[in-house]
Amino acid sequence: MKISRYFTNLAQSYLEEIDDLVTDSEGKSVLQRRLKDKRGEMDALLAMIDYSPEMVAVIFYDAFGFQSAEVMQRLLQSEPELGDFLKWDVLRKSLSIAPWAEPLIATTLKVAGGDAFLVTAATLEFVRTKAAFTASKSEAADESGGDDDDSEDEADDLGDAGSDWLVEQGFDTREE
């Protein structure tokens, strides 16, 4: 199966965003506290859904259960700008949703682009929950070499790492 460029690019960034939330500088687990803080800042974060959806999608960490892997796999092949991207009301029927997330969903649907963002957030959560991503993340760090001067190379490396990770999960990357 081929994965759209949209989700190939976002998947690795989303996984890294979550990884950044897991521990503090002392190595203590702070994920739940940071998620609570982000959910409390939701109104401000929603302004970022168009240009950094992966940073906002963490609000919905563990919000969704997936009743149809087939629906989610089809979504991974789609892009918001194309006609094949599901509407939230359609996708919602194939999800179980945590009760705490319902008010957040209602708030999200009130903003421009909220429908497509929710579909994106659910799909990113599908990627996160259906694969072990820590090994591919450490491989990506090894490949990047930690040189901050080559940001374009790092972006390419991250894109390649995201593509490699999706291939490891049994998906084909989109051919250009």
N, C-alpha and C. Protein backbone atom coordinates (compact mmCIF):
# COMPACT_ATOMS: atom_id res chain seq x y z
N MET A 1 0.84 -1.18 0.00
CA MET A 1 0.00 0.00 0.00
C MET A 1 0.89 1.25 0.00
N LYS A 2 0.45 2.25 -0.71
CA LYS A 2 1.19 3.51 -0.77
C LYS A 2 0.63 4.50 0.25
N ILE A 3 1.53 5.28 0.82
CA ILE A 3 1.16 6.30 1.81
C ILE A 3 1.32 7.66 1.14
N SER A 4 0.36 8.53 1.37
CA SER A 4 0.43 9.86 0.78
C SER A 4 1.61 10.63 1.34
N ARG A 5 2.07 11.57 0.56
CA ARG A 5 3.16 12.45 1.00
C ARG A 5 2.73 13.18 2.28
N TYR A 6 1.49 13.59 2.35
CA TYR A 6 0.97 14.31 3.51
C TYR A 6 1.23 13.52 4.80
N PHE A 7 0.82 12.26 4.83
CA PHE A 7 1.00 11.47 6.05
C PHE A 7 2.43 10.97 6.22
N THR A 8 3.14 10.77 5.14
CA THR A 8 4.56 10.41 5.26
C THR A 8 5.30 11.52 5.99
N ASN A 9 5.04 12.76 5.61
CA ASN A 9 5.72 13.90 6.23
C ASN A 9 5.27 14.13 7.67
N LEU A 10 3.98 13.97 7.94
CA LEU A 10 3.47 14.27 9.28
C LEU A 10 3.75 13.18 10.32
N ALA A 11 3.80 11.93 9.90
CA ALA A 11 3.90 10.83 10.86
C ALA A 11 5.14 10.95 11.74
N GLN A 12 6.29 11.14 11.14
CA GLN A 12 7.51 11.22 11.93
C GLN A 12 7.50 12.45 12.84
N SER A 13 7.02 13.57 12.32
CA SER A 13 6.96 14.80 13.14
C SER A 13 6.03 14.60 14.33
N TYR A 14 4.92 13.92 14.12
CA TYR A 14 3.98 13.67 15.21
C TYR A 14 4.61 12.79 16.28
N LEU A 15 5.28 11.74 15.86
CA LEU A 15 5.92 10.85 16.81
C LEU A 15 7.01 11.57 17.60
N GLU A 16 7.72 12.46 16.95
CA GLU A 16 8.74 13.25 17.64
C GLU A 16 8.12 14.24 18.61
N GLU A 17 7.00 14.82 18.24
CA GLU A 17 6.31 15.76 19.13
C GLU A 17 5.89 15.04 20.41
N ILE A 18 5.37 13.85 20.28
CA ILE A 18 4.98 13.08 21.46
C ILE A 18 6.20 12.72 22.29
N ASP A 19 7.25 12.31 21.62
CA ASP A 19 8.48 11.97 22.33
C ASP A 19 8.98 13.15 23.15
N ASP A 20 8.85 14.36 22.63
CA ASP A 20 9.27 15.57 23.35
C ASP A 20 8.44 15.81 24.61
N LEU A 21 7.22 15.30 24.63
CA LEU A 21 6.34 15.52 25.77
C LEU A 21 6.51 14.49 26.87
N VAL A 22 7.17 13.38 26.60
CA VAL A 22 7.21 12.26 27.53
C VAL A 22 7.97 12.56 28.81
N THR A 23 9.17 13.12 28.70
CA THR A 23 9.96 13.34 29.91
C THR A 23 10.45 14.78 30.00
N ASP A 24 10.76 15.18 31.22
CA ASP A 24 11.33 16.51 31.42
C ASP A 24 12.85 16.42 31.36
N SER A 25 13.51 17.53 31.62
CA SER A 25 14.97 17.58 31.51
C SER A 25 15.68 16.67 32.52
N GLU A 26 14.98 16.28 33.56
CA GLU A 26 15.55 15.37 34.57
C GLU A 26 15.22 13.92 34.28
N GLY A 27 14.52 13.66 33.17
CA GLY A 27 14.16 12.31 32.80
C GLY A 27 12.91 11.77 33.46
N LYS A 28 12.17 12.62 34.16
CA LYS A 28 10.94 12.20 34.82
C LYS A 28 9.79 12.17 33.82
N SER A 29 8.91 11.19 33.97
CA SER A 29 7.76 11.07 33.08
C SER A 29 6.76 12.19 33.38
N VAL A 30 6.47 13.00 32.38
CA VAL A 30 5.56 14.13 32.55
C VAL A 30 4.50 14.20 31.44
N LEU A 31 4.35 13.10 30.72
CA LEU A 31 3.46 13.10 29.56
C LEU A 31 2.04 13.54 29.93
N GLN A 32 1.45 12.93 30.93
CA GLN A 32 0.05 13.25 31.26
C GLN A 32 -0.11 14.70 31.68
N ARG A 33 0.82 15.23 32.45
CA ARG A 33 0.74 16.63 32.85
C ARG A 33 0.84 17.55 31.63
N ARG A 34 1.77 17.25 30.73
CA ARG A 34 1.94 18.09 29.54
C ARG A 34 0.74 17.99 28.61
N LEU A 35 0.16 16.81 28.50
CA LEU A 35 -1.05 16.68 27.68
C LEU A 35 -2.19 17.49 28.28
N LYS A 36 -2.33 17.44 29.60
CA LYS A 36 -3.36 18.23 30.27
C LYS A 36 -3.15 19.72 30.01
N ASP A 37 -1.91 20.17 30.09
CA ASP A 37 -1.59 21.57 29.83
C ASP A 37 -1.96 21.94 28.39
N LYS A 38 -1.59 21.10 27.44
CA LYS A 38 -1.89 21.38 26.03
C LYS A 38 -3.40 21.42 25.80
N ARG A 39 -4.12 20.51 26.41
CA ARG A 39 -5.58 20.50 26.25
C ARG A 39 -6.19 21.76 26.84
N GLY A 40 -5.59 22.29 27.89
CA GLY A 40 -6.05 23.54 28.48
C GLY A 40 -5.76 24.75 27.60
N GLU A 41 -4.79 24.63 26.71
CA GLU A 41 -4.42 25.70 25.78
C GLU A 41 -5.02 25.50 24.40
N MET A 42 -6.01 24.65 24.32
CA MET A 42 -6.54 24.23 23.03
C MET A 42 -6.95 25.39 22.13
N ASP A 43 -7.63 26.37 22.67
CA ASP A 43 -8.09 27.49 21.84
C ASP A 43 -6.94 28.17 21.12
N ALA A 44 -5.84 28.37 21.81
CA ALA A 44 -4.66 28.99 21.19
C ALA A 44 -4.00 28.05 20.20
N LEU A 45 -3.93 26.77 20.54
CA LEU A 45 -3.27 25.80 19.66
C LEU A 45 -4.04 25.57 18.36
N LEU A 46 -5.34 25.69 18.40
CA LEU A 46 -6.14 25.44 17.19
C LEU A 46 -5.78 26.39 16.05
N ALA A 47 -5.21 27.52 16.38
CA ALA A 47 -4.78 28.45 15.33
C ALA A 47 -3.64 27.86 14.50
N MET A 48 -3.02 26.80 14.99
CA MET A 48 -1.87 26.19 14.31
C MET A 48 -2.23 25.00 13.44
N ILE A 49 -3.50 24.64 13.33
CA ILE A 49 -3.84 23.40 12.64
C ILE A 49 -3.49 23.40 11.16
N ASP A 50 -3.41 24.57 10.55
CA ASP A 50 -3.08 24.61 9.13
C ASP A 50 -1.60 24.43 8.86
N TYR A 51 -0.74 24.93 9.74
CA TYR A 51 0.69 24.89 9.44
C TYR A 51 1.49 23.94 10.33
N SER A 52 0.95 23.48 11.43
CA SER A 52 1.63 22.51 12.30
C SER A 52 0.63 21.55 12.93
N PRO A 53 -0.11 20.81 12.14
CA PRO A 53 -1.14 19.94 12.71
C PRO A 53 -0.58 18.89 13.67
N GLU A 54 0.66 18.47 13.45
CA GLU A 54 1.25 17.45 14.33
C GLU A 54 1.45 17.98 15.75
N MET A 55 1.65 19.28 15.90
CA MET A 55 1.83 19.86 17.23
C MET A 55 0.51 20.00 17.97
N VAL A 56 -0.56 20.12 17.23
CA VAL A 56 -1.88 20.26 17.84
C VAL A 56 -2.53 18.89 18.05
N ALA A 57 -2.25 17.96 17.18
CA ALA A 57 -2.88 16.64 17.23
C ALA A 57 -2.60 15.90 18.54
N VAL A 58 -1.52 16.25 19.21
CA VAL A 58 -1.20 15.58 20.48
C VAL A 58 -2.31 15.78 21.52
N ILE A 59 -3.12 16.80 21.33
CA ILE A 59 -4.27 17.01 22.22
C ILE A 59 -5.14 15.75 22.26
N PHE A 60 -5.17 15.03 21.15
CA PHE A 60 -6.03 13.85 21.02
C PHE A 60 -5.28 12.53 21.28
N TYR A 61 -4.16 12.61 21.98
CA TYR A 61 -3.40 11.43 22.35
C TYR A 61 -4.31 10.46 23.12
N ASP A 62 -4.42 9.24 22.65
CA ASP A 62 -5.25 8.18 23.24
C ASP A 62 -6.75 8.49 23.22
N ALA A 63 -7.19 9.35 22.34
CA ALA A 63 -8.62 9.69 22.28
C ALA A 63 -9.43 8.72 21.42
N PHE A 64 -8.76 8.00 20.52
CA PHE A 64 -9.48 7.21 19.53
C PHE A 64 -9.15 5.73 19.61
N GLY A 65 -10.17 4.93 19.38
CA GLY A 65 -10.01 3.50 19.15
C GLY A 65 -10.42 3.25 17.71
N PHE A 66 -9.81 2.28 17.08
CA PHE A 66 -9.99 2.08 15.65
C PHE A 66 -10.70 0.76 15.39
N GLN A 67 -11.92 0.87 14.85
CA GLN A 67 -12.73 -0.31 14.58
C GLN A 67 -12.46 -0.89 13.21
N SER A 68 -11.87 -0.10 12.31
CA SER A 68 -11.61 -0.57 10.96
C SER A 68 -10.22 -0.14 10.50
N ALA A 69 -9.30 -1.10 10.53
CA ALA A 69 -7.95 -0.82 10.04
C ALA A 69 -8.00 -0.49 8.54
N GLU A 70 -8.94 -1.08 7.83
CA GLU A 70 -9.05 -0.83 6.39
C GLU A 70 -9.38 0.64 6.11
N VAL A 71 -10.29 1.22 6.86
CA VAL A 71 -10.64 2.63 6.68
C VAL A 71 -9.41 3.50 6.96
N MET A 72 -8.70 3.18 8.02
CA MET A 72 -7.53 3.98 8.39
C MET A 72 -6.42 3.82 7.35
N GLN A 73 -6.23 2.64 6.84
CA GLN A 73 -5.20 2.44 5.82
C GLN A 73 -5.54 3.19 4.54
N ARG A 74 -6.82 3.26 4.19
CA ARG A 74 -7.22 4.06 3.03
C ARG A 74 -6.94 5.54 3.29
N LEU A 75 -7.19 5.97 4.52
CA LEU A 75 -6.91 7.37 4.87
C LEU A 75 -5.43 7.70 4.74
N LEU A 76 -4.58 6.77 5.10
CA LEU A 76 -3.14 6.99 4.99
C LEU A 76 -2.69 7.24 3.55
N GLN A 77 -3.51 6.86 2.60
CA GLN A 77 -3.19 7.06 1.19
C GLN A 77 -3.75 8.37 0.65
N SER A 78 -4.48 9.10 1.47
CA SER A 78 -5.19 10.29 0.99
C SER A 78 -4.51 11.58 1.44
N GLU A 79 -4.99 12.68 0.87
CA GLU A 79 -4.49 14.01 1.21
C GLU A 79 -5.69 14.95 1.36
N PRO A 80 -5.60 15.92 2.29
CA PRO A 80 -6.73 16.82 2.52
C PRO A 80 -7.19 17.59 1.27
N GLU A 81 -6.27 17.92 0.39
CA GLU A 81 -6.62 18.72 -0.79
C GLU A 81 -7.31 17.90 -1.88
N LEU A 82 -7.26 16.59 -1.76
CA LEU A 82 -7.84 15.73 -2.78
C LEU A 82 -9.22 15.25 -2.35
N GLY A 83 -9.99 14.81 -3.28
CA GLY A 83 -11.35 14.38 -3.00
C GLY A 83 -11.47 13.09 -2.22
N ASP A 84 -10.35 12.41 -1.98
CA ASP A 84 -10.42 11.12 -1.29
C ASP A 84 -10.27 11.22 0.23
N PHE A 85 -10.13 12.42 0.76
CA PHE A 85 -9.97 12.62 2.20
C PHE A 85 -11.34 12.54 2.85
N LEU A 86 -11.51 11.64 3.81
CA LEU A 86 -12.80 11.46 4.46
C LEU A 86 -13.22 12.71 5.24
N LYS A 87 -14.49 12.89 5.37
CA LYS A 87 -15.04 13.91 6.26
C LYS A 87 -15.09 13.32 7.66
N TRP A 88 -15.01 14.17 8.66
CA TRP A 88 -15.01 13.72 10.04
C TRP A 88 -16.25 12.90 10.38
N ASP A 89 -17.42 13.34 9.94
CA ASP A 89 -18.65 12.60 10.26
C ASP A 89 -18.64 11.18 9.72
N VAL A 90 -17.95 10.97 8.60
CA VAL A 90 -17.83 9.63 8.03
C VAL A 90 -16.82 8.81 8.83
N LEU A 91 -15.66 9.39 9.11
CA LEU A 91 -14.63 8.67 9.86
C LEU A 91 -15.10 8.34 11.26
N ARG A 92 -15.79 9.26 11.89
CA ARG A 92 -16.25 9.09 13.27
C ARG A 92 -17.00 7.77 13.46
N LYS A 93 -17.70 7.33 12.44
CA LYS A 93 -18.49 6.10 12.53
C LYS A 93 -17.61 4.86 12.69
N SER A 94 -16.34 4.96 12.31
CA SER A 94 -15.44 3.80 12.44
C SER A 94 -14.45 3.97 13.60
N LEU A 95 -14.76 4.89 14.51
CA LEU A 95 -13.91 5.13 15.67
C LEU A 95 -14.69 4.94 16.96
N SER A 96 -13.98 4.57 18.01
CA SER A 96 -14.54 4.75 19.35
C SER A 96 -13.79 5.96 19.90
N ILE A 97 -14.51 6.79 20.60
CA ILE A 97 -13.94 8.06 21.07
C ILE A 97 -14.05 8.13 22.59
N ALA A 98 -12.93 8.46 23.22
CA ALA A 98 -12.92 8.62 24.68
C ALA A 98 -13.87 9.75 25.07
N PRO A 99 -14.67 9.56 26.10
CA PRO A 99 -15.62 10.60 26.51
C PRO A 99 -14.97 11.96 26.78
N TRP A 100 -13.77 11.98 27.33
CA TRP A 100 -13.10 13.25 27.62
C TRP A 100 -12.79 14.04 26.36
N ALA A 101 -12.70 13.34 25.22
CA ALA A 101 -12.34 14.00 23.96
C ALA A 101 -13.53 14.65 23.26
N GLU A 102 -14.73 14.29 23.61
CA GLU A 102 -15.92 14.82 22.92
C GLU A 102 -16.00 16.35 22.96
N PRO A 103 -15.79 17.00 24.12
CA PRO A 103 -15.83 18.48 24.12
C PRO A 103 -14.70 19.09 23.28
N LEU A 104 -13.55 18.44 23.24
CA LEU A 104 -12.43 18.93 22.43
C LEU A 104 -12.76 18.82 20.94
N ILE A 105 -13.43 17.76 20.58
CA ILE A 105 -13.85 17.57 19.19
C ILE A 105 -14.86 18.65 18.81
N ALA A 106 -15.83 18.89 19.68
CA ALA A 106 -16.84 19.91 19.41
C ALA A 106 -16.20 21.28 19.22
N THR A 107 -15.22 21.61 20.06
CA THR A 107 -14.50 22.89 19.92
C THR A 107 -13.74 22.95 18.61
N THR A 108 -13.09 21.86 18.24
CA THR A 108 -12.31 21.80 17.01
C THR A 108 -13.18 21.99 15.79
N LEU A 109 -14.35 21.42 15.81
CA LEU A 109 -15.25 21.52 14.64
C LEU A 109 -15.76 22.94 14.42
N LYS A 110 -15.61 23.81 15.39
CA LYS A 110 -16.06 25.19 15.27
C LYS A 110 -15.07 26.08 14.53
N VAL A 111 -13.83 25.60 14.35
CA VAL A 111 -12.82 26.42 13.68
C VAL A 111 -12.68 25.99 12.22
N ALA A 112 -12.27 26.94 11.39
CA ALA A 112 -12.05 26.63 9.98
C ALA A 112 -10.97 25.56 9.87
N GLY A 113 -11.24 24.55 9.10
CA GLY A 113 -10.30 23.46 8.91
C GLY A 113 -10.37 22.39 9.99
N GLY A 114 -11.27 22.55 10.94
CA GLY A 114 -11.37 21.62 12.05
C GLY A 114 -11.74 20.21 11.64
N ASP A 115 -12.61 20.08 10.65
CA ASP A 115 -13.03 18.77 10.17
C ASP A 115 -11.83 17.98 9.65
N ALA A 116 -11.09 18.56 8.72
CA ALA A 116 -9.92 17.88 8.14
C ALA A 116 -8.85 17.64 9.20
N PHE A 117 -8.70 18.58 10.12
CA PHE A 117 -7.71 18.40 11.19
C PHE A 117 -8.05 17.19 12.04
N LEU A 118 -9.31 17.00 12.41
CA LEU A 118 -9.69 15.85 13.22
C LEU A 118 -9.40 14.54 12.50
N VAL A 119 -9.63 14.52 11.20
CA VAL A 119 -9.31 13.33 10.42
C VAL A 119 -7.81 13.08 10.46
N THR A 120 -7.04 14.14 10.31
CA THR A 120 -5.58 14.04 10.39
C THR A 120 -5.14 13.54 11.76
N ALA A 121 -5.70 14.12 12.82
CA ALA A 121 -5.32 13.74 14.18
C ALA A 121 -5.63 12.27 14.44
N ALA A 122 -6.79 11.82 14.03
CA ALA A 122 -7.15 10.41 14.22
C ALA A 122 -6.20 9.50 13.44
N THR A 123 -5.84 9.90 12.24
CA THR A 123 -4.95 9.07 11.43
C THR A 123 -3.55 9.03 12.03
N LEU A 124 -3.08 10.15 12.55
CA LEU A 124 -1.78 10.15 13.21
C LEU A 124 -1.80 9.28 14.47
N GLU A 125 -2.88 9.29 15.19
CA GLU A 125 -3.02 8.41 16.35
C GLU A 125 -3.04 6.95 15.92
N PHE A 126 -3.64 6.66 14.80
CA PHE A 126 -3.62 5.29 14.26
C PHE A 126 -2.18 4.86 14.00
N VAL A 127 -1.42 5.73 13.37
CA VAL A 127 -0.01 5.43 13.10
C VAL A 127 0.73 5.17 14.41
N ARG A 128 0.50 6.03 15.40
CA ARG A 128 1.21 5.90 16.68
C ARG A 128 0.84 4.61 17.40
N THR A 129 -0.41 4.25 17.42
CA THR A 129 -0.85 3.11 18.21
C THR A 129 -0.65 1.78 17.51
N LYS A 130 -0.47 1.79 16.23
CA LYS A 130 -0.36 0.53 15.49
C LYS A 130 1.06 0.14 15.16
N ALA A 131 2.05 0.80 15.75
CA ALA A 131 3.44 0.45 15.46
C ALA A 131 4.35 0.88 16.60
N ALA A 132 5.42 0.15 16.76
CA ALA A 132 6.47 0.54 17.71
C ALA A 132 7.41 1.47 16.97
N PHE A 133 7.45 2.74 17.40
CA PHE A 133 8.20 3.72 16.64
C PHE A 133 9.52 4.10 17.27
N THR A 134 9.81 3.66 18.47
CA THR A 134 11.03 4.12 19.12
C THR A 134 12.29 3.65 18.41
N ALA A 135 12.29 2.44 17.87
CA ALA A 135 13.50 1.95 17.18
C ALA A 135 13.79 2.79 15.95
N SER A 136 12.76 3.09 15.17
CA SER A 136 13.00 3.87 13.95
C SER A 136 13.42 5.29 14.30
N LYS A 137 12.96 5.82 15.41
CA LYS A 137 13.35 7.17 15.81
C LYS A 137 14.82 7.21 16.19
N SER A 138 15.31 6.19 16.91
CA SER A 138 16.72 6.21 17.27
C SER A 138 17.58 5.98 16.04
N GLU A 139 17.12 5.20 15.09
CA GLU A 139 17.84 5.04 13.84
C GLU A 139 17.93 6.36 13.10
N ALA A 140 16.85 7.13 13.10
CA ALA A 140 16.85 8.42 12.42
C ALA A 140 17.84 9.36 13.10
N ALA A 141 17.92 9.32 14.42
CA ALA A 141 18.87 10.17 15.14
C ALA A 141 20.30 9.77 14.79
N ASP A 142 20.56 8.48 14.69
CA ASP A 142 21.90 8.03 14.31
C ASP A 142 22.26 8.50 12.92
N GLU A 143 21.31 8.45 12.00
CA GLU A 143 21.58 8.86 10.62
C GLU A 143 21.81 10.35 10.50
N SER A 144 21.14 11.16 11.33
CA SER A 144 21.25 12.61 11.19
C SER A 144 22.61 13.12 11.70
N GLY A 145 23.24 12.37 12.57
CA GLY A 145 24.55 12.76 13.07
C GLY A 145 24.53 13.95 14.01
N GLY A 146 23.39 14.54 14.27
CA GLY A 146 23.26 15.63 15.22
C GLY A 146 23.87 16.94 14.78
N ASP A 147 24.10 17.17 13.50
CA ASP A 147 24.71 18.40 13.00
C ASP A 147 23.63 19.42 12.72
N ASP A 148 23.52 20.44 13.56
CA ASP A 148 22.46 21.44 13.42
C ASP A 148 22.69 22.39 12.25
N ASP A 149 23.89 22.42 11.69
CA ASP A 149 24.18 23.34 10.60
C ASP A 149 23.56 22.90 9.28
N ASP A 150 23.19 21.68 9.18
CA ASP A 150 22.64 21.15 7.92
C ASP A 150 21.15 20.90 8.06
N SER A 151 20.36 21.94 8.32
CA SER A 151 18.93 21.76 8.58
C SER A 151 18.20 21.19 7.38
N GLU A 152 18.59 21.54 6.16
CA GLU A 152 17.95 20.95 4.99
C GLU A 152 18.23 19.46 4.92
N ASP A 153 19.47 19.07 5.20
CA ASP A 153 19.81 17.66 5.21
C ASP A 153 19.04 16.93 6.29
N GLU A 154 18.90 17.57 7.47
CA GLU A 154 18.14 16.95 8.54
C GLU A 154 16.68 16.78 8.15
N ALA A 155 16.11 17.76 7.49
CA ALA A 155 14.72 17.63 7.05
C ALA A 155 14.59 16.48 6.08
N ASP A 156 15.55 16.35 5.16
CA ASP A 156 15.54 15.22 4.24
C ASP A 156 15.68 13.91 5.00
N ASP A 157 16.59 13.90 5.99
CA ASP A 157 16.78 12.69 6.80
C ASP A 157 15.50 12.32 7.53
N LEU A 158 14.83 13.31 8.12
CA LEU A 158 13.58 13.03 8.83
C LEU A 158 12.51 12.51 7.88
N GLY A 159 12.43 13.13 6.71
CA GLY A 159 11.47 12.65 5.71
C GLY A 159 11.78 11.23 5.30
N ASP A 160 13.08 10.96 5.09
CA ASP A 160 13.49 9.59 4.74
C ASP A 160 13.20 8.63 5.88
N ALA A 161 13.47 9.07 7.11
CA ALA A 161 13.22 8.22 8.27
C ALA A 161 11.73 7.91 8.39
N GLY A 162 10.90 8.93 8.17
CA GLY A 162 9.46 8.70 8.21
C GLY A 162 9.02 7.74 7.13
N SER A 163 9.57 7.91 5.93
CA SER A 163 9.26 7.00 4.83
C SER A 163 9.74 5.59 5.14
N ASP A 164 10.96 5.49 5.68
CA ASP A 164 11.50 4.18 6.04
C ASP A 164 10.64 3.51 7.09
N TRP A 165 10.19 4.29 8.08
CA TRP A 165 9.36 3.74 9.14
C TRP A 165 8.06 3.19 8.57
N LEU A 166 7.43 3.93 7.67
CA LEU A 166 6.18 3.47 7.08
C LEU A 166 6.41 2.20 6.26
N VAL A 167 7.51 2.13 5.54
CA VAL A 167 7.83 0.93 4.77
C VAL A 167 8.02 -0.26 5.72
N GLU A 168 8.68 -0.03 6.87
CA GLU A 168 8.86 -1.09 7.86
C GLU A 168 7.52 -1.62 8.36
N GLN A 169 6.50 -0.77 8.33
CA GLN A 169 5.18 -1.18 8.80
C GLN A 169 4.38 -1.89 7.71
N GLY A 170 4.98 -2.03 6.52
CA GLY A 170 4.32 -2.76 5.44
C GLY A 170 3.71 -1.87 4.38
N PHE A 171 3.95 -0.57 4.44
CA PHE A 171 3.40 0.35 3.46
C PHE A 171 4.45 0.72 2.44
N ASP A 172 4.01 1.08 1.23
CA ASP A 172 4.90 1.61 0.22
C ASP A 172 4.82 3.12 0.28
N THR A 173 5.93 3.78 0.02
CA THR A 173 5.89 5.24 -0.03
C THR A 173 5.37 5.69 -1.37
N ARG A 174 4.87 6.89 -1.38
CA ARG A 174 4.30 7.45 -2.61
C ARG A 174 5.44 7.79 -3.57
N GLU A 175 5.27 7.36 -4.81
CA GLU A 175 6.27 7.67 -5.82
C GLU A 175 6.00 9.07 -6.35
N GLU A 176 7.07 9.82 -6.58
CA GLU A 176 6.92 11.20 -7.08
C GLU A 176 6.89 11.22 -8.57
